[in-house]
Amino acid sequence: MKHIAMRAERRATDLTKGQRKQLRASDRVLASVHGKDIEPISVVLNSAELGRVLSSSTGMNTLIDLDIEGERHVVRIDQIQHGLAGSAPLHIGLNEVRTGEAQKATVAVEMVGEPEAIRTRVGLSESGLTSVDVRALPERMVASLPLDISGMAMGDVLRVGDLPLPRGFELLTDPEQPLVSLRPIPALGGQENLTISEAGEQLADKAEG
């Protein structure tokens, strides 16, 4: 896995509300570095550099070469504290990692393909978990795990245990938890020409009512 370099500056731990607001207004993000063998380090990050990490192919699981005023740490984002919708993160948690030691991470599940029942508009897919917990070496970590659903038949359920894992990955989530299921679109009072999305909305309205 390719590392991304970032810079950070140390900051005081007792910043006032006004000081925190001023830092955020100058495109800085408050963060802290923690790990097994280090004392927590309070830092500020550049929001543009942080955005480059989050928009990369590995997202939060990206390995970051963090330069704290000349002191190097290899870290991974393990927590993002959000403010209002659409606003910049309020705080970032950075976990120091050892590249030769397996780490726990949450990885998104990416559905790939389209079952015949959905293509022919006679079935609906129902989503279960959208991410799973795994343990793997940091340098092998990925942002998402693909799950091919194109071969699903009506009534099929794919579970966490059906998810193909790369070599060296250990699954931590219960393998019996459902990821996706396929079921027929029930009759809705003669409205055979509804689109799948319209049928789904009406089913949801019916369930809520």
Protein backbone atom coordinates (compact mmCIF):
# COMPACT_ATOMS: atom_id res chain seq x y z
CA MET A 1 0.00 0.00 0.00
CA LYS A 2 1.28 3.42 -0.94
CA HIS A 3 1.86 5.80 1.97
CA ILE A 4 0.72 9.44 1.85
CA ALA A 5 2.87 12.09 3.51
CA MET A 6 1.26 14.66 5.82
CA ARG A 7 2.60 17.38 8.06
CA ALA A 8 1.34 18.28 11.51
CA GLU A 9 2.10 20.89 14.13
CA ARG A 10 1.91 20.37 17.87
CA ARG A 11 -0.79 22.28 19.71
CA ALA A 12 -1.82 22.95 23.27
CA THR A 13 -4.38 20.60 24.80
CA ASP A 14 -6.27 23.40 26.57
CA LEU A 15 -7.28 25.57 23.62
CA THR A 16 -10.18 27.92 24.19
CA LYS A 17 -13.31 27.74 22.05
CA GLY A 18 -12.18 30.89 20.27
CA GLN A 19 -8.74 29.45 19.51
CA ARG A 20 -10.26 26.24 18.12
CA LYS A 21 -12.61 28.28 15.96
CA GLN A 22 -9.72 30.41 14.70
CA LEU A 23 -7.71 27.32 13.72
CA ARG A 24 -10.64 25.84 11.80
CA ALA A 25 -11.19 29.15 10.03
CA SER A 26 -7.59 28.96 8.77
CA ASP A 27 -8.18 25.53 7.17
CA ARG A 28 -6.70 23.56 10.05
CA VAL A 29 -8.17 20.43 11.61
CA LEU A 30 -7.62 19.45 15.23
CA ALA A 31 -6.23 15.95 15.69
CA SER A 32 -4.55 13.68 18.19
CA VAL A 33 -2.06 10.84 17.74
CA HIS A 34 -2.24 7.82 20.03
CA GLY A 35 -0.74 4.37 20.16
CA LYS A 36 0.43 1.53 22.38
CA ASP A 37 3.85 2.88 23.22
CA ILE A 38 3.42 6.66 22.96
CA GLU A 39 1.81 9.39 24.99
CA PRO A 40 -1.06 11.10 23.13
CA ILE A 41 0.12 14.00 20.97
CA SER A 42 -2.23 16.89 20.23
CA VAL A 43 -1.66 18.31 16.74
CA VAL A 44 -3.25 20.34 13.96
CA LEU A 45 -3.48 19.11 10.36
CA ASN A 46 -3.81 20.91 7.05
CA SER A 47 -7.37 20.36 5.78
CA ALA A 48 -6.25 20.07 2.13
CA GLU A 49 -3.75 17.32 2.99
CA LEU A 50 -6.39 15.54 5.05
CA GLY A 51 -8.81 15.74 2.13
CA ARG A 52 -6.20 14.12 -0.11
CA VAL A 53 -6.02 11.16 2.28
CA LEU A 54 -9.78 10.75 2.65
CA SER A 55 -10.36 10.94 -1.12
CA SER A 56 -7.68 8.35 -1.89
CA SER A 57 -8.57 4.83 -2.98
CA THR A 58 -7.91 3.45 0.53
CA GLY A 59 -9.72 6.25 2.41
CA MET A 60 -9.52 6.02 6.19
CA ASN A 61 -7.35 2.91 5.92
CA THR A 62 -4.57 4.82 4.16
CA LEU A 63 -1.18 4.64 5.81
CA ILE A 64 0.07 8.16 6.55
CA ASP A 65 3.68 9.19 6.99
CA LEU A 66 3.03 11.93 9.52
CA ASP A 67 5.76 14.50 10.10
CA ILE A 68 5.23 16.25 13.46
CA GLU A 69 7.81 19.03 13.35
CA GLY A 70 10.52 16.60 12.23
CA GLU A 71 9.27 13.62 14.27
CA ARG A 72 7.97 10.81 12.03
CA HIS A 73 5.03 8.55 12.84
CA VAL A 74 3.23 6.04 10.64
CA VAL A 75 -0.48 6.43 11.44
CA ARG A 76 -3.95 5.56 10.23
CA ILE A 77 -7.20 7.47 10.79
CA ASP A 78 -9.36 5.58 13.26
CA GLN A 79 -11.90 8.23 14.22
CA ILE A 80 -13.53 11.26 12.62
CA GLN A 81 -15.68 13.60 14.68
CA HIS A 82 -18.09 15.46 12.43
CA GLY A 83 -19.90 18.72 13.05
CA LEU A 84 -22.87 19.92 11.03
CA ALA A 85 -23.69 18.14 7.79
CA GLY A 86 -21.34 19.24 5.04
CA SER A 87 -18.91 20.95 7.41
CA ALA A 88 -15.24 20.09 7.87
CA PRO A 89 -14.36 17.46 10.51
CA LEU A 90 -14.07 18.80 14.05
CA HIS A 91 -11.44 16.31 15.19
CA ILE A 92 -9.41 13.45 13.77
CA GLY A 93 -8.09 10.47 15.72
CA LEU A 94 -4.80 9.05 14.40
CA ASN A 95 -3.61 5.65 15.54
CA GLU A 96 0.11 4.89 15.30
CA VAL A 97 0.65 1.57 13.56
CA ARG A 98 3.48 -0.91 13.27
CA THR A 99 3.70 -1.95 9.66
CA GLY A 100 4.64 -5.53 10.56
CA GLU A 101 1.80 -5.96 13.08
CA ALA A 102 -1.80 -6.85 12.13
CA GLN A 103 -4.34 -4.14 12.89
CA LYS A 104 -8.12 -4.07 13.21
CA ALA A 105 -10.00 -1.96 10.68
CA THR A 106 -13.54 -1.40 9.40
CA VAL A 107 -13.85 -1.95 5.66
CA ALA A 108 -16.80 -1.08 3.41
CA VAL A 109 -18.57 -3.80 1.43
CA GLU A 110 -18.96 -2.91 -2.26
CA MET A 111 -21.78 -4.63 -4.15
CA VAL A 112 -20.72 -5.58 -7.69
CA GLY A 113 -23.01 -6.71 -10.51
CA GLU A 114 -26.79 -6.91 -10.87
CA PRO A 115 -28.97 -10.02 -10.39
CA GLU A 116 -31.23 -11.09 -13.25
CA ALA A 117 -34.31 -10.54 -11.07
CA ILE A 118 -33.43 -6.86 -10.69
CA ARG A 119 -32.59 -6.45 -14.38
CA THR A 120 -36.02 -7.87 -15.29
CA ARG A 121 -37.72 -5.72 -12.62
CA VAL A 122 -39.26 -8.59 -10.68
CA GLY A 123 -37.02 -8.48 -7.58
CA LEU A 124 -35.75 -6.11 -4.92
CA SER A 125 -32.48 -6.27 -3.03
CA GLU A 126 -32.43 -5.57 0.69
CA SER A 127 -29.18 -4.39 2.24
CA GLY A 128 -27.83 -5.63 5.56
CA LEU A 129 -24.43 -4.64 6.89
CA THR A 130 -22.53 -2.16 4.73
CA SER A 131 -19.12 -2.73 6.33
CA VAL A 132 -17.22 -5.45 8.19
CA ASP A 133 -14.40 -5.56 10.73
CA VAL A 134 -11.20 -7.30 9.69
CA ARG A 135 -7.66 -7.69 10.93
CA ALA A 136 -4.71 -7.48 8.55
CA LEU A 137 -1.28 -5.98 8.12
CA PRO A 138 -1.64 -2.21 7.65
CA GLU A 139 0.29 -2.26 4.37
CA ARG A 140 -2.26 -4.73 2.93
CA MET A 141 -5.37 -2.91 4.12
CA VAL A 142 -8.00 -1.91 1.56
CA ALA A 143 -10.82 0.65 1.55
CA SER A 144 -13.51 -1.78 0.40
CA LEU A 145 -14.16 -5.46 -0.25
CA PRO A 146 -16.14 -6.37 -3.42
CA LEU A 147 -19.08 -8.79 -3.24
CA ASP A 148 -20.40 -10.14 -6.56
CA ILE A 149 -24.21 -10.28 -6.38
CA SER A 150 -24.84 -10.90 -10.10
CA GLY A 151 -25.50 -14.62 -9.57
CA MET A 152 -28.13 -14.19 -6.84
CA ALA A 153 -31.48 -15.91 -7.35
CA MET A 154 -34.79 -15.01 -5.77
CA GLY A 155 -34.72 -15.78 -2.05
CA ASP A 156 -30.93 -15.86 -1.82
CA VAL A 157 -29.15 -14.25 1.12
CA LEU A 158 -25.45 -13.45 1.05
CA ARG A 159 -23.87 -13.23 4.47
CA VAL A 160 -20.61 -11.89 5.87
CA GLY A 161 -19.12 -15.37 5.63
CA ASP A 162 -19.70 -15.34 1.85
CA LEU A 163 -17.46 -12.30 1.43
CA PRO A 164 -14.17 -13.21 -0.31
CA LEU A 165 -11.21 -11.97 1.73
CA PRO A 166 -7.73 -11.15 0.45
CA ARG A 167 -4.93 -13.40 1.62
CA GLY A 168 -3.85 -12.64 5.17
CA PHE A 169 -7.17 -11.05 6.22
CA GLU A 170 -8.98 -12.28 9.33
CA LEU A 171 -12.73 -11.70 9.56
CA LEU A 172 -13.88 -10.30 12.92
CA THR A 173 -17.58 -9.67 12.19
CA ASP A 174 -20.12 -12.46 12.82
CA PRO A 175 -20.13 -14.48 9.55
CA GLU A 176 -23.88 -15.12 9.85
CA GLN A 177 -24.77 -11.43 9.61
CA PRO A 178 -26.63 -10.72 6.31
CA LEU A 179 -25.11 -8.41 3.70
CA VAL A 180 -27.80 -8.52 1.01
CA SER A 181 -30.92 -10.52 0.17
CA LEU A 182 -33.11 -10.77 -2.92
CA ARG A 183 -36.87 -11.04 -2.76
CA PRO A 184 -39.77 -10.65 -5.21
CA ILE A 185 -41.65 -7.40 -5.54
CA PRO A 186 -45.05 -8.11 -3.96
CA ALA A 187 -48.24 -7.21 -5.77
CA LEU A 188 -49.36 -3.68 -4.97
CA GLY A 189 -52.99 -3.54 -5.95
CA GLY A 190 -52.57 -3.97 -9.68
CA GLN A 191 -49.77 -1.41 -10.04
CA GLU A 192 -47.65 -3.72 -12.17
CA ASN A 193 -45.91 -0.89 -14.04
CA LEU A 194 -44.25 0.71 -11.05
CA THR A 195 -40.49 1.09 -11.21
CA ILE A 196 -38.40 -0.75 -8.64
CA SER A 197 -37.69 2.47 -6.77
CA GLU A 198 -41.39 3.38 -6.73
CA ALA A 199 -42.29 -0.09 -5.49
CA GLY A 200 -39.68 0.18 -2.77
CA GLU A 201 -41.05 3.55 -1.67
CA GLN A 202 -44.61 2.23 -1.53
CA LEU A 203 -43.50 -0.81 0.47
CA ALA A 204 -41.74 1.48 2.92
CA ASP A 205 -44.82 3.70 3.21
CA LYS A 206 -46.98 0.65 3.79
CA ALA A 207 -44.65 -0.62 6.53
CA GLU A 208 -44.58 2.77 8.27
CA GLY A 209 -48.33 3.17 8.03
